Amino acid sequence: MQELVEFLFRSLVTHPEDVHVEAHQEGDVTTYRVTVHPDDMGRVIGRQGRIAHAVRSVVGAAAHRQGRRVHVLIGSQESSFNEDAGRS
């Protein structure tokens, strides 16, 4: 699943070398923390969050198919993560 998350985000950005994905398991939920270059934040979020929502939907559907639950958190290398933001 982590490979899918990395592939999707690297496909969207202009600095694919700066995409980093960390997976954290809590109970039956896996949280993927994705960091991207600050210049790419707009690309991965999209207008009104449409791109981020679409990526979360794809990852969520793939996880559901495997009987898993996932959350995808997105941040830049300069920002910190808000634990409640960006959960799907």
Protein backbone atom coordinates (compact mmCIF):
# COMPACT_ATOMS: atom_id res chain seq x y z
CA MET A 1 0.00 0.00 0.00
CA GLN A 2 2.87 2.38 0.79
CA GLU A 3 4.19 1.88 -2.75
CA LEU A 4 0.82 2.98 -4.16
CA VAL A 5 0.84 6.13 -2.00
CA GLU A 6 4.40 6.97 -3.11
CA PHE A 7 3.59 6.32 -6.77
CA LEU A 8 0.48 8.52 -6.75
CA PHE A 9 2.16 11.46 -5.05
CA ARG A 10 5.37 11.25 -7.09
CA SER A 11 3.25 11.29 -10.25
CA LEU A 12 1.68 14.59 -9.22
CA VAL A 13 4.66 16.70 -8.16
CA THR A 14 7.50 18.55 -9.85
CA HIS A 15 10.00 17.43 -7.17
CA PRO A 16 9.40 13.64 -6.94
CA GLU A 17 12.68 13.13 -5.12
CA ASP A 18 11.25 15.14 -2.20
CA VAL A 19 8.22 12.90 -1.67
CA HIS A 20 8.55 10.88 1.53
CA VAL A 21 5.97 8.50 2.96
CA GLU A 22 6.00 7.15 6.51
CA ALA A 23 3.56 4.47 7.64
CA HIS A 24 2.32 4.25 11.23
CA GLN A 25 0.13 1.39 12.42
CA GLU A 26 -2.38 1.98 15.23
CA GLY A 27 -4.69 -0.92 15.85
CA ASP A 28 -6.41 -1.77 12.58
CA VAL A 29 -5.66 1.62 10.98
CA THR A 30 -2.54 2.53 9.02
CA THR A 31 -1.71 6.23 8.77
CA TYR A 32 0.49 7.37 5.89
CA ARG A 33 2.27 10.67 6.48
CA VAL A 34 3.26 12.15 3.15
CA THR A 35 5.70 15.05 2.95
CA VAL A 36 6.34 16.93 -0.27
CA HIS A 37 8.43 19.90 -1.35
CA PRO A 38 6.75 23.15 -0.25
CA ASP A 39 6.39 24.22 -3.90
CA ASP A 40 4.32 21.10 -4.58
CA MET A 41 1.74 21.52 -1.82
CA GLY A 42 -0.72 23.24 -4.15
CA ARG A 43 -0.39 20.44 -6.68
CA VAL A 44 -1.13 17.65 -4.21
CA ILE A 45 -3.98 19.48 -2.50
CA GLY A 46 -5.65 20.91 -5.60
CA ARG A 47 -8.49 23.40 -5.76
CA GLN A 48 -10.71 22.99 -2.73
CA GLY A 49 -8.79 19.82 -1.88
CA ARG A 50 -9.98 17.90 -4.91
CA ILE A 51 -6.67 16.22 -5.75
CA ALA A 52 -6.01 15.24 -2.13
CA HIS A 53 -9.54 13.88 -1.84
CA ALA A 54 -9.14 11.87 -5.05
CA VAL A 55 -5.83 10.36 -3.92
CA ARG A 56 -7.33 9.49 -0.53
CA SER A 57 -10.29 7.86 -2.27
CA VAL A 58 -8.05 5.70 -4.46
CA VAL A 59 -5.87 4.65 -1.53
CA GLY A 60 -8.94 4.04 0.63
CA ALA A 61 -10.56 1.88 -2.04
CA ALA A 62 -7.38 -0.18 -2.47
CA ALA A 63 -7.12 -0.61 1.30
CA HIS A 64 -10.79 -1.56 1.61
CA ARG A 65 -10.31 -4.22 -1.01
CA GLN A 66 -7.61 -5.74 1.20
CA GLY A 67 -9.75 -5.39 4.34
CA ARG A 68 -7.68 -2.53 5.75
CA ARG A 69 -8.37 1.01 6.95
CA VAL A 70 -6.04 3.89 6.10
CA HIS A 71 -5.61 7.59 6.69
CA VAL A 72 -3.45 9.82 4.49
CA LEU A 73 -1.95 12.97 6.01
CA ILE A 74 -0.26 15.48 3.71
CA GLY A 75 2.29 18.11 4.71
CA SER A 76 5.25 19.98 3.35
CA GLN A 77 8.79 19.58 4.56
CA GLU A 78 8.43 22.93 6.31
CA SER A 79 5.12 22.27 8.08
CA SER A 80 4.05 20.08 10.93
CA PHE A 81 1.18 17.65 10.74
CA ASN A 82 -2.17 18.33 12.29
CA GLU A 83 -3.33 14.96 13.64
CA ASP A 84 -7.01 15.69 12.97
CA ALA A 85 -6.61 17.16 9.49
CA GLY A 86 -6.64 15.10 6.36
CA ARG A 87 -8.04 11.88 7.69
CA SER A 88 -9.97 9.65 5.34
